[in-house]
């Protein structure tokens, strides 16, 4: 991983409707309408590998972790709630990251905002 992934992750998150950013546990995190967190940056904070944690629909975490453990993991603290850990120290496809973030958004956002996504 040659460059800092935070600016790219920030762009992806902030492109969604009514998203705000603020620190949560000393790291950047993104919230829907300032209340419901859906993504948290994990800059080598918990397992010495840069990545992010995000909300995920039921079953997605288990499937991705089982099939691609080099890219996905069960994060501490929130993994038991189905959140997904995504590594950013591998070859990153930002189109795929955008899809993962968008799906995380739909897990916590109100229906009216999800409908705005089209």
N, C-alpha and C. Protein backbone atom coordinates (compact mmCIF):
# COMPACT_ATOMS: atom_id res chain seq x y z
N UNK A 1 0.84 -1.17 0.00
CA UNK A 1 0.00 0.00 0.00
C UNK A 1 0.89 1.23 0.00
N UNK A 2 0.89 1.96 -1.06
CA UNK A 2 1.80 3.08 -1.22
C UNK A 2 1.29 4.37 -0.60
N UNK A 3 0.01 4.65 -0.72
CA UNK A 3 -0.47 5.94 -0.22
C UNK A 3 -1.52 5.75 0.87
N UNK A 4 -1.75 6.82 1.59
CA UNK A 4 -2.72 6.83 2.68
C UNK A 4 -4.13 6.60 2.11
N UNK A 5 -4.84 5.57 2.58
CA UNK A 5 -6.17 5.29 2.03
C UNK A 5 -7.28 6.18 2.60
N UNK A 6 -6.98 6.94 3.65
CA UNK A 6 -8.02 7.74 4.29
C UNK A 6 -8.70 8.74 3.34
N UNK A 7 -7.98 9.52 2.54
CA UNK A 7 -8.68 10.46 1.66
C UNK A 7 -9.65 9.76 0.68
N UNK A 8 -9.26 8.62 0.17
CA UNK A 8 -10.15 7.89 -0.75
C UNK A 8 -11.37 7.35 -0.02
N UNK A 9 -11.17 6.80 1.17
CA UNK A 9 -12.30 6.29 1.95
C UNK A 9 -13.23 7.44 2.32
N UNK A 10 -12.66 8.56 2.69
CA UNK A 10 -13.47 9.74 3.04
C UNK A 10 -14.34 10.17 1.85
N UNK A 11 -13.76 10.22 0.66
CA UNK A 11 -14.52 10.61 -0.54
C UNK A 11 -15.70 9.66 -0.77
N UNK A 12 -15.46 8.37 -0.64
CA UNK A 12 -16.51 7.37 -0.85
C UNK A 12 -17.64 7.58 0.16
N UNK A 13 -17.29 7.73 1.43
CA UNK A 13 -18.31 7.89 2.47
C UNK A 13 -19.09 9.19 2.33
N UNK A 14 -18.37 10.28 2.08
CA UNK A 14 -19.01 11.60 2.04
C UNK A 14 -19.86 11.81 0.79
N UNK A 15 -19.76 10.92 -0.18
CA UNK A 15 -20.58 11.03 -1.39
C UNK A 15 -22.02 10.58 -1.15
N UNK A 16 -22.28 9.95 -0.02
CA UNK A 16 -23.61 9.44 0.29
C UNK A 16 -24.46 10.51 0.95
N UNK A 17 -25.78 10.45 0.78
CA UNK A 17 -26.66 11.49 1.32
C UNK A 17 -26.61 11.63 2.84
N UNK A 18 -26.51 12.87 3.29
CA UNK A 18 -26.61 13.25 4.70
C UNK A 18 -25.61 12.53 5.61
N UNK A 19 -24.40 12.38 5.11
CA UNK A 19 -23.33 11.75 5.88
C UNK A 19 -22.46 12.84 6.50
N UNK A 20 -22.07 12.61 7.75
CA UNK A 20 -21.14 13.50 8.43
C UNK A 20 -19.97 12.67 8.94
N UNK A 21 -18.86 13.35 9.15
CA UNK A 21 -17.67 12.70 9.67
C UNK A 21 -17.31 13.33 11.01
N UNK A 22 -16.91 12.48 11.93
CA UNK A 22 -16.35 12.95 13.20
C UNK A 22 -15.52 11.83 13.80
N UNK A 23 -14.71 12.18 14.78
CA UNK A 23 -13.90 11.17 15.45
C UNK A 23 -14.76 10.30 16.34
N UNK A 24 -14.45 9.02 16.34
CA UNK A 24 -15.07 8.05 17.23
C UNK A 24 -13.95 7.15 17.71
N UNK A 25 -13.72 7.10 18.98
CA UNK A 25 -12.60 6.32 19.53
C UNK A 25 -11.28 6.76 18.92
N UNK A 26 -11.15 8.05 18.70
CA UNK A 26 -9.93 8.70 18.20
C UNK A 26 -9.62 8.45 16.73
N UNK A 27 -10.56 7.91 15.97
CA UNK A 27 -10.33 7.69 14.54
C UNK A 27 -11.51 8.26 13.75
N UNK A 28 -11.30 8.62 12.47
CA UNK A 28 -12.40 9.11 11.66
C UNK A 28 -13.50 8.06 11.51
N UNK A 29 -14.74 8.53 11.61
CA UNK A 29 -15.90 7.66 11.44
C UNK A 29 -16.98 8.44 10.72
N UNK A 30 -17.87 7.72 10.06
CA UNK A 30 -18.92 8.36 9.27
C UNK A 30 -20.28 7.91 9.78
N UNK A 31 -21.19 8.90 9.81
CA UNK A 31 -22.50 8.73 10.41
C UNK A 31 -23.58 9.20 9.45
N UNK A 32 -24.74 8.56 9.51
CA UNK A 32 -25.91 8.98 8.76
C UNK A 32 -26.69 9.94 9.64
N UNK A 33 -26.94 11.13 9.11
CA UNK A 33 -27.65 12.19 9.84
C UNK A 33 -27.02 12.46 11.20
N UNK A 34 -25.70 12.28 11.28
CA UNK A 34 -24.98 12.61 12.49
C UNK A 34 -25.21 11.67 13.65
N UNK A 35 -25.97 10.59 13.45
CA UNK A 35 -26.33 9.73 14.56
C UNK A 35 -25.88 8.28 14.40
N UNK A 36 -26.18 7.66 13.30
CA UNK A 36 -25.93 6.23 13.14
C UNK A 36 -24.63 5.99 12.38
N UNK A 37 -23.67 5.42 13.07
CA UNK A 37 -22.36 5.16 12.47
C UNK A 37 -22.47 3.97 11.52
N UNK A 38 -21.80 4.10 10.34
CA UNK A 38 -21.80 2.98 9.41
C UNK A 38 -20.41 2.59 8.94
N UNK A 39 -19.41 3.46 9.12
CA UNK A 39 -18.02 3.14 8.77
C UNK A 39 -17.09 3.77 9.80
N UNK A 40 -16.03 3.04 10.11
CA UNK A 40 -15.00 3.54 11.04
C UNK A 40 -13.64 3.18 10.45
N UNK A 41 -12.79 4.18 10.29
CA UNK A 41 -11.43 3.95 9.80
C UNK A 41 -10.62 3.25 10.89
N UNK A 42 -9.82 2.28 10.50
CA UNK A 42 -8.99 1.54 11.46
C UNK A 42 -7.54 1.61 10.99
N UNK A 43 -6.87 2.74 11.21
CA UNK A 43 -5.51 2.93 10.71
C UNK A 43 -4.45 2.23 11.56
N UNK A 44 -4.32 0.96 11.39
CA UNK A 44 -3.34 0.18 12.15
C UNK A 44 -3.61 0.29 13.65
N UNK A 45 -4.83 0.56 13.99
CA UNK A 45 -5.19 0.85 15.38
C UNK A 45 -5.40 -0.42 16.20
N UNK A 46 -5.88 -1.47 15.56
CA UNK A 46 -6.24 -2.66 16.32
C UNK A 46 -5.45 -3.91 15.93
N UNK A 47 -5.04 -4.03 14.69
CA UNK A 47 -4.32 -5.24 14.30
C UNK A 47 -3.09 -4.95 13.45
N UNK A 48 -2.59 -3.73 13.53
CA UNK A 48 -1.38 -3.32 12.81
C UNK A 48 -1.51 -3.36 11.30
N UNK A 49 -2.74 -3.39 10.80
CA UNK A 49 -2.97 -3.35 9.36
C UNK A 49 -4.05 -2.31 9.08
N UNK A 50 -3.81 -1.39 8.16
CA UNK A 50 -4.83 -0.36 7.87
C UNK A 50 -6.06 -0.97 7.22
N UNK A 51 -7.19 -0.40 7.57
CA UNK A 51 -8.46 -0.86 7.00
C UNK A 51 -9.60 -0.06 7.58
N UNK A 52 -10.79 -0.59 7.44
CA UNK A 52 -11.96 0.04 8.05
C UNK A 52 -12.94 -1.03 8.48
N UNK A 53 -13.81 -0.63 9.38
CA UNK A 53 -14.89 -1.49 9.85
C UNK A 53 -16.19 -0.86 9.37
N UNK A 54 -17.15 -1.71 9.01
CA UNK A 54 -18.42 -1.17 8.53
C UNK A 54 -19.58 -2.09 8.87
N UNK A 55 -20.75 -1.50 8.93
CA UNK A 55 -21.97 -2.28 9.11
C UNK A 55 -22.12 -3.19 7.89
N UNK A 56 -22.74 -4.34 8.08
CA UNK A 56 -22.95 -5.27 6.98
C UNK A 56 -24.28 -5.99 7.17
N UNK A 57 -24.95 -6.32 6.07
CA UNK A 57 -26.20 -7.08 6.18
C UNK A 57 -25.94 -8.45 6.81
N UNK A 58 -26.95 -9.06 7.37
CA UNK A 58 -26.79 -10.38 7.98
C UNK A 58 -26.15 -11.39 7.02
N UNK A 59 -25.16 -12.11 7.53
CA UNK A 59 -24.51 -13.16 6.77
C UNK A 59 -23.34 -12.73 5.91
N UNK A 60 -23.24 -11.46 5.61
CA UNK A 60 -22.18 -10.98 4.72
C UNK A 60 -20.81 -11.13 5.37
N UNK A 61 -20.70 -10.73 6.63
CA UNK A 61 -19.41 -10.85 7.32
C UNK A 61 -18.91 -12.29 7.27
N UNK A 62 -19.74 -13.24 7.65
CA UNK A 62 -19.34 -14.64 7.70
C UNK A 62 -18.90 -15.14 6.32
N UNK A 63 -19.64 -14.78 5.30
CA UNK A 63 -19.33 -15.22 3.95
C UNK A 63 -18.00 -14.67 3.45
N UNK A 64 -17.81 -13.36 3.59
CA UNK A 64 -16.58 -12.75 3.09
C UNK A 64 -15.35 -13.18 3.88
N UNK A 65 -15.47 -13.28 5.19
CA UNK A 65 -14.34 -13.70 6.01
C UNK A 65 -13.95 -15.15 5.68
N UNK A 66 -14.94 -16.00 5.48
CA UNK A 66 -14.66 -17.41 5.16
C UNK A 66 -14.02 -17.56 3.79
N UNK A 67 -14.46 -16.76 2.82
CA UNK A 67 -13.99 -16.92 1.45
C UNK A 67 -12.76 -16.09 1.09
N UNK A 68 -12.53 -14.97 1.79
CA UNK A 68 -11.40 -14.10 1.48
C UNK A 68 -10.76 -13.55 2.75
N UNK A 69 -10.21 -14.42 3.61
CA UNK A 69 -9.67 -13.95 4.88
C UNK A 69 -8.45 -13.04 4.75
N UNK A 70 -7.83 -13.00 3.60
CA UNK A 70 -6.71 -12.08 3.41
C UNK A 70 -7.19 -10.65 3.20
N UNK A 71 -8.48 -10.47 2.90
CA UNK A 71 -9.03 -9.14 2.65
C UNK A 71 -10.07 -8.70 3.68
N UNK A 72 -10.74 -9.68 4.29
CA UNK A 72 -11.84 -9.36 5.20
C UNK A 72 -11.65 -10.08 6.52
N UNK A 73 -12.14 -9.47 7.61
CA UNK A 73 -12.00 -10.08 8.93
C UNK A 73 -13.15 -9.65 9.83
N UNK A 74 -13.28 -10.35 10.94
CA UNK A 74 -14.28 -10.02 11.96
C UNK A 74 -13.61 -9.07 12.95
N UNK A 75 -14.02 -7.80 12.94
CA UNK A 75 -13.34 -6.83 13.80
C UNK A 75 -13.69 -7.00 15.28
N UNK A 76 -12.76 -6.63 16.15
CA UNK A 76 -13.07 -6.67 17.58
C UNK A 76 -14.15 -5.65 17.92
N UNK A 77 -14.81 -5.85 19.03
CA UNK A 77 -15.80 -4.94 19.59
C UNK A 77 -17.13 -4.91 18.83
N UNK A 78 -17.11 -4.88 17.51
CA UNK A 78 -18.35 -4.77 16.74
C UNK A 78 -18.60 -5.98 15.84
N UNK A 79 -17.65 -6.87 15.76
CA UNK A 79 -17.79 -8.06 14.92
C UNK A 79 -18.96 -8.93 15.33
N UNK A 80 -19.23 -9.01 16.62
CA UNK A 80 -20.34 -9.83 17.10
C UNK A 80 -21.69 -9.29 16.64
N UNK A 81 -21.73 -8.03 16.20
CA UNK A 81 -22.96 -7.43 15.67
C UNK A 81 -23.04 -7.54 14.15
N UNK A 82 -22.09 -8.28 13.55
CA UNK A 82 -22.12 -8.48 12.11
C UNK A 82 -21.29 -7.50 11.31
N UNK A 83 -20.62 -6.56 11.98
CA UNK A 83 -19.79 -5.61 11.25
C UNK A 83 -18.64 -6.34 10.56
N UNK A 84 -18.19 -5.76 9.47
CA UNK A 84 -17.14 -6.34 8.63
C UNK A 84 -15.87 -5.52 8.72
N UNK A 85 -14.73 -6.18 8.83
CA UNK A 85 -13.44 -5.52 8.75
C UNK A 85 -12.90 -5.67 7.34
N UNK A 86 -12.45 -4.58 6.74
CA UNK A 86 -11.95 -4.57 5.36
C UNK A 86 -10.51 -4.08 5.37
N UNK A 87 -9.60 -4.86 4.87
CA UNK A 87 -8.18 -4.49 4.84
C UNK A 87 -7.90 -3.54 3.68
N UNK A 88 -7.06 -2.55 3.96
CA UNK A 88 -6.66 -1.59 2.92
C UNK A 88 -5.16 -1.65 2.65
N UNK A 89 -4.51 -2.71 3.12
CA UNK A 89 -3.08 -2.88 2.84
C UNK A 89 -2.86 -3.94 1.77
N UNK A 90 -3.90 -4.24 1.03
CA UNK A 90 -3.85 -5.18 -0.09
C UNK A 90 -4.13 -4.38 -1.36
N UNK A 91 -4.15 -5.04 -2.50
CA UNK A 91 -4.50 -4.36 -3.75
C UNK A 91 -5.97 -3.94 -3.67
N UNK A 92 -6.23 -2.65 -3.56
CA UNK A 92 -7.57 -2.13 -3.30
C UNK A 92 -8.27 -1.76 -4.60
N UNK A 93 -9.47 -2.29 -4.76
CA UNK A 93 -10.36 -1.92 -5.86
C UNK A 93 -11.36 -0.92 -5.27
N UNK A 94 -11.17 0.36 -5.56
CA UNK A 94 -12.01 1.38 -4.93
C UNK A 94 -13.46 1.32 -5.40
N UNK A 95 -13.71 0.73 -6.55
CA UNK A 95 -15.10 0.50 -6.97
C UNK A 95 -15.77 -0.51 -6.05
N UNK A 96 -15.04 -1.56 -5.69
CA UNK A 96 -15.57 -2.55 -4.76
C UNK A 96 -15.74 -1.94 -3.37
N UNK A 97 -14.77 -1.14 -2.95
CA UNK A 97 -14.87 -0.48 -1.63
C UNK A 97 -16.10 0.42 -1.61
N UNK A 98 -16.34 1.15 -2.68
CA UNK A 98 -17.52 2.02 -2.75
C UNK A 98 -18.80 1.19 -2.61
N UNK A 99 -18.85 0.02 -3.22
CA UNK A 99 -20.03 -0.85 -3.11
C UNK A 99 -20.21 -1.36 -1.68
N UNK A 100 -19.12 -1.71 -1.02
CA UNK A 100 -19.19 -2.18 0.37
C UNK A 100 -19.68 -1.05 1.28
N UNK A 101 -19.14 0.14 1.08
CA UNK A 101 -19.54 1.30 1.90
C UNK A 101 -21.00 1.64 1.65
N UNK A 102 -21.41 1.60 0.42
CA UNK A 102 -22.81 1.89 0.08
C UNK A 102 -23.74 0.88 0.76
N UNK A 103 -23.35 -0.39 0.74
CA UNK A 103 -24.16 -1.42 1.39
C UNK A 103 -24.22 -1.17 2.91
N UNK A 104 -23.09 -0.77 3.50
CA UNK A 104 -23.07 -0.45 4.93
C UNK A 104 -24.03 0.69 5.23
N UNK A 105 -24.04 1.68 4.37
CA UNK A 105 -24.94 2.82 4.51
C UNK A 105 -26.40 2.36 4.52
N UNK A 106 -26.73 1.46 3.59
CA UNK A 106 -28.12 1.01 3.50
C UNK A 106 -28.56 0.22 4.72
N UNK A 107 -27.61 -0.35 5.45
CA UNK A 107 -27.94 -1.10 6.66
C UNK A 107 -28.46 -0.17 7.76
N UNK A 108 -27.93 1.04 7.85
CA UNK A 108 -28.30 1.93 8.96
C UNK A 108 -29.15 3.13 8.54
N UNK A 109 -29.15 3.51 7.28
CA UNK A 109 -29.87 4.70 6.84
C UNK A 109 -31.38 4.47 6.79
N UNK A 110 -32.15 5.53 7.04
CA UNK A 110 -33.60 5.42 6.89
C UNK A 110 -33.97 5.14 5.44
N UNK A 111 -35.12 4.52 5.25
CA UNK A 111 -35.56 4.15 3.90
C UNK A 111 -35.59 5.35 2.95
N UNK A 112 -35.98 6.51 3.45
CA UNK A 112 -36.08 7.69 2.59
C UNK A 112 -34.71 8.05 2.00
N UNK A 113 -33.64 7.87 2.76
CA UNK A 113 -32.31 8.16 2.24
C UNK A 113 -31.82 7.05 1.32
N UNK A 114 -32.13 5.82 1.65
CA UNK A 114 -31.73 4.69 0.78
C UNK A 114 -32.41 4.85 -0.58
N UNK A 115 -33.65 5.28 -0.61
CA UNK A 115 -34.37 5.49 -1.87
C UNK A 115 -33.70 6.55 -2.74
N UNK A 116 -33.05 7.51 -2.12
CA UNK A 116 -32.35 8.55 -2.88
C UNK A 116 -31.14 8.01 -3.64
N UNK A 117 -30.65 6.83 -3.21
CA UNK A 117 -29.50 6.23 -3.91
C UNK A 117 -29.88 5.71 -5.29
N UNK A 118 -31.18 5.43 -5.48
CA UNK A 118 -31.63 4.93 -6.80
C UNK A 118 -31.56 3.43 -6.93
